[in-house]
Amino acid sequence: MAEKEQTQTELAEISARIDELVELCRRLSEENRSLRQSQEQLSSERAGLIARNEQARSRVEAMIGRLKSLEQNQA
């Protein structure tokens, strides 16, 4: 009888451990999904910032060109 009880106890422990692992997998999957979503959002924001930076650089370069042109015309 003791052996049967020990087997049942071991099975209960294994079952509890499996439940914990299933829950851990669920949480990790959700965290992974959330991190992927954040990564996509940050990549999109980065691309936007790079585009805005390029636009600003082009405007500054154009202004510098106009200023140099004005300097040459005044000289």
N, C-alpha and C. Protein backbone atom coordinates (compact mmCIF):
# COMPACT_ATOMS: atom_id res chain seq x y z
N MET A 1 0.82 -1.19 0.00
CA MET A 1 0.00 0.00 0.00
C MET A 1 0.87 1.26 0.00
N ALA A 2 1.96 1.27 0.76
CA ALA A 2 2.83 2.44 0.85
C ALA A 2 3.43 2.76 -0.51
N GLU A 3 3.74 1.72 -1.25
CA GLU A 3 4.32 1.94 -2.58
C GLU A 3 3.32 2.63 -3.50
N LYS A 4 2.06 2.23 -3.39
CA LYS A 4 1.00 2.84 -4.20
C LYS A 4 0.82 4.31 -3.83
N GLU A 5 0.85 4.60 -2.55
CA GLU A 5 0.72 5.98 -2.09
C GLU A 5 1.91 6.82 -2.54
N GLN A 6 3.09 6.21 -2.50
CA GLN A 6 4.29 6.92 -2.95
C GLN A 6 4.19 7.22 -4.45
N THR A 7 3.72 6.27 -5.22
CA THR A 7 3.56 6.47 -6.66
C THR A 7 2.54 7.57 -6.93
N GLN A 8 1.45 7.56 -6.18
CA GLN A 8 0.44 8.61 -6.36
C GLN A 8 1.00 9.98 -5.99
N THR A 9 1.79 10.03 -4.95
CA THR A 9 2.42 11.29 -4.54
C THR A 9 3.38 11.78 -5.63
N GLU A 10 4.17 10.87 -6.16
CA GLU A 10 5.10 11.23 -7.23
C GLU A 10 4.35 11.73 -8.46
N LEU A 11 3.26 11.05 -8.80
CA LEU A 11 2.45 11.46 -9.95
C LEU A 11 1.84 12.84 -9.71
N ALA A 12 1.39 13.09 -8.49
CA ALA A 12 0.82 14.40 -8.15
C ALA A 12 1.90 15.49 -8.27
N GLU A 13 3.11 15.19 -7.82
CA GLU A 13 4.21 16.15 -7.93
C GLU A 13 4.56 16.41 -9.39
N ILE A 14 4.60 15.36 -10.18
CA ILE A 14 4.89 15.51 -11.60
C ILE A 14 3.80 16.32 -12.28
N SER A 15 2.57 16.05 -11.93
CA SER A 15 1.44 16.78 -12.50
C SER A 15 1.51 18.27 -12.14
N ALA A 16 1.85 18.55 -10.90
CA ALA A 16 1.98 19.95 -10.45
C ALA A 16 3.13 20.63 -11.19
N ARG A 17 4.21 19.92 -11.37
CA ARG A 17 5.37 20.48 -12.10
C ARG A 17 5.01 20.75 -13.56
N ILE A 18 4.27 19.86 -14.16
CA ILE A 18 3.83 20.05 -15.55
C ILE A 18 2.93 21.28 -15.63
N ASP A 19 2.03 21.43 -14.67
CA ASP A 19 1.17 22.62 -14.65
C ASP A 19 1.99 23.90 -14.55
N GLU A 20 3.02 23.88 -13.72
CA GLU A 20 3.90 25.04 -13.58
C GLU A 20 4.61 25.34 -14.90
N LEU A 21 5.09 24.29 -15.56
CA LEU A 21 5.80 24.48 -16.83
C LEU A 21 4.86 25.01 -17.92
N VAL A 22 3.63 24.52 -17.93
CA VAL A 22 2.65 25.01 -18.90
C VAL A 22 2.39 26.50 -18.66
N GLU A 23 2.24 26.88 -17.41
CA GLU A 23 2.01 28.29 -17.08
C GLU A 23 3.23 29.14 -17.45
N LEU A 24 4.41 28.62 -17.19
CA LEU A 24 5.64 29.33 -17.55
C LEU A 24 5.71 29.53 -19.07
N CYS A 25 5.39 28.49 -19.82
CA CYS A 25 5.39 28.60 -21.28
C CYS A 25 4.38 29.64 -21.75
N ARG A 26 3.23 29.66 -21.13
CA ARG A 26 2.20 30.64 -21.50
C ARG A 26 2.70 32.07 -21.24
N ARG A 27 3.29 32.27 -20.05
CA ARG A 27 3.80 33.60 -19.71
C ARG A 27 4.93 34.02 -20.65
N LEU A 28 5.84 33.09 -20.95
CA LEU A 28 6.95 33.41 -21.84
C LEU A 28 6.46 33.71 -23.25
N SER A 29 5.47 32.99 -23.69
CA SER A 29 4.90 33.24 -25.00
C SER A 29 4.27 34.63 -25.06
N GLU A 30 3.55 35.00 -24.04
CA GLU A 30 2.93 36.33 -23.97
C GLU A 30 4.01 37.41 -23.92
N GLU A 31 5.03 37.19 -23.12
CA GLU A 31 6.12 38.16 -23.02
C GLU A 31 6.83 38.30 -24.37
N ASN A 32 7.05 37.18 -25.04
CA ASN A 32 7.70 37.19 -26.35
C ASN A 32 6.86 37.98 -27.35
N ARG A 33 5.55 37.77 -27.34
CA ARG A 33 4.65 38.50 -28.23
C ARG A 33 4.73 40.00 -27.95
N SER A 34 4.71 40.34 -26.68
CA SER A 34 4.78 41.75 -26.29
C SER A 34 6.11 42.38 -26.70
N LEU A 35 7.20 41.65 -26.52
CA LEU A 35 8.52 42.17 -26.90
C LEU A 35 8.63 42.34 -28.42
N ARG A 36 8.07 41.41 -29.17
CA ARG A 36 8.09 41.54 -30.63
C ARG A 36 7.29 42.77 -31.07
N GLN A 37 6.16 42.98 -30.43
CA GLN A 37 5.33 44.14 -30.75
C GLN A 37 6.09 45.44 -30.43
N SER A 38 6.75 45.48 -29.29
CA SER A 38 7.54 46.65 -28.91
C SER A 38 8.68 46.87 -29.89
N GLN A 39 9.32 45.80 -30.29
CA GLN A 39 10.43 45.90 -31.23
C GLN A 39 9.95 46.47 -32.57
N GLU A 40 8.81 46.01 -33.05
CA GLU A 40 8.26 46.53 -34.30
C GLU A 40 7.95 48.03 -34.17
N GLN A 41 7.36 48.41 -33.05
CA GLN A 41 7.02 49.81 -32.83
C GLN A 41 8.29 50.67 -32.78
N LEU A 42 9.30 50.20 -32.06
CA LEU A 42 10.55 50.96 -31.96
C LEU A 42 11.25 51.05 -33.31
N SER A 43 11.21 49.99 -34.09
CA SER A 43 11.82 50.02 -35.42
C SER A 43 11.11 51.04 -36.30
N SER A 44 9.80 51.08 -36.20
CA SER A 44 9.03 52.04 -36.97
C SER A 44 9.36 53.47 -36.54
N GLU A 45 9.42 53.71 -35.25
CA GLU A 45 9.77 55.03 -34.73
C GLU A 45 11.17 55.43 -35.18
N ARG A 46 12.09 54.49 -35.14
CA ARG A 46 13.48 54.76 -35.56
C ARG A 46 13.52 55.16 -37.03
N ALA A 47 12.79 54.43 -37.86
CA ALA A 47 12.76 54.77 -39.29
C ALA A 47 12.21 56.18 -39.49
N GLY A 48 11.18 56.53 -38.74
CA GLY A 48 10.62 57.88 -38.83
C GLY A 48 11.62 58.94 -38.41
N LEU A 49 12.34 58.67 -37.33
CA LEU A 49 13.34 59.63 -36.85
C LEU A 49 14.49 59.78 -37.84
N ILE A 50 14.89 58.68 -38.46
CA ILE A 50 15.95 58.75 -39.46
C ILE A 50 15.49 59.60 -40.64
N ALA A 51 14.25 59.40 -41.07
CA ALA A 51 13.70 60.19 -42.19
C ALA A 51 13.65 61.67 -41.83
N ARG A 52 13.19 61.98 -40.61
CA ARG A 52 13.13 63.39 -40.18
C ARG A 52 14.52 63.99 -40.10
N ASN A 53 15.48 63.21 -39.64
CA ASN A 53 16.86 63.68 -39.55
C ASN A 53 17.40 63.98 -40.95
N GLU A 54 17.12 63.14 -41.90
CA GLU A 54 17.57 63.37 -43.28
C GLU A 54 16.94 64.62 -43.86
N GLN A 55 15.64 64.83 -43.59
CA GLN A 55 14.97 66.03 -44.06
C GLN A 55 15.62 67.28 -43.46
N ALA A 56 15.89 67.23 -42.17
CA ALA A 56 16.52 68.37 -41.50
C ALA A 56 17.91 68.62 -42.07
N ARG A 57 18.65 67.55 -42.31
CA ARG A 57 20.00 67.69 -42.87
C ARG A 57 19.93 68.33 -44.26
N SER A 58 18.98 67.90 -45.07
CA SER A 58 18.83 68.47 -46.41
C SER A 58 18.49 69.95 -46.33
N ARG A 59 17.60 70.31 -45.42
CA ARG A 59 17.25 71.73 -45.27
C ARG A 59 18.43 72.56 -44.83
N VAL A 60 19.20 72.05 -43.87
CA VAL A 60 20.37 72.78 -43.38
C VAL A 60 21.39 72.93 -44.51
N GLU A 61 21.63 71.87 -45.26
CA GLU A 61 22.58 71.95 -46.37
C GLU A 61 22.09 72.96 -47.42
N ALA A 62 20.78 72.97 -47.67
CA ALA A 62 20.24 73.94 -48.63
C ALA A 62 20.42 75.36 -48.12
N MET A 63 20.20 75.58 -46.83
CA MET A 63 20.39 76.91 -46.25
C MET A 63 21.85 77.34 -46.35
N ILE A 64 22.75 76.43 -46.06
CA ILE A 64 24.18 76.74 -46.15
C ILE A 64 24.53 77.11 -47.59
N GLY A 65 23.98 76.37 -48.53
CA GLY A 65 24.23 76.69 -49.95
C GLY A 65 23.71 78.07 -50.31
N ARG A 66 22.53 78.41 -49.84
CA ARG A 66 21.97 79.75 -50.11
C ARG A 66 22.81 80.84 -49.46
N LEU A 67 23.25 80.59 -48.22
CA LEU A 67 24.08 81.59 -47.54
C LEU A 67 25.41 81.79 -48.27
N LYS A 68 26.03 80.71 -48.72
CA LYS A 68 27.28 80.83 -49.47
C LYS A 68 27.05 81.60 -50.76
N SER A 69 25.92 81.32 -51.41
CA SER A 69 25.58 82.02 -52.64
C SER A 69 25.40 83.51 -52.38
N LEU A 70 24.72 83.84 -51.30
CA LEU A 70 24.53 85.26 -50.95
C LEU A 70 25.86 85.93 -50.65
N GLU A 71 26.76 85.23 -49.96
CA GLU A 71 28.07 85.77 -49.65
C GLU A 71 28.84 86.08 -50.94
N GLN A 72 28.77 85.14 -51.87
CA GLN A 72 29.50 85.32 -53.13
C GLN A 72 28.92 86.48 -53.94
N ASN A 73 27.58 86.62 -53.90
CA ASN A 73 26.96 87.71 -54.64
C ASN A 73 27.28 89.06 -54.03
N GLN A 74 27.47 89.12 -52.73
CA GLN A 74 27.76 90.38 -52.05
C GLN A 74 29.22 90.75 -52.19
N ALA A 75 30.06 89.77 -52.43
CA ALA A 75 31.49 90.04 -52.49
C ALA A 75 31.93 90.68 -53.76
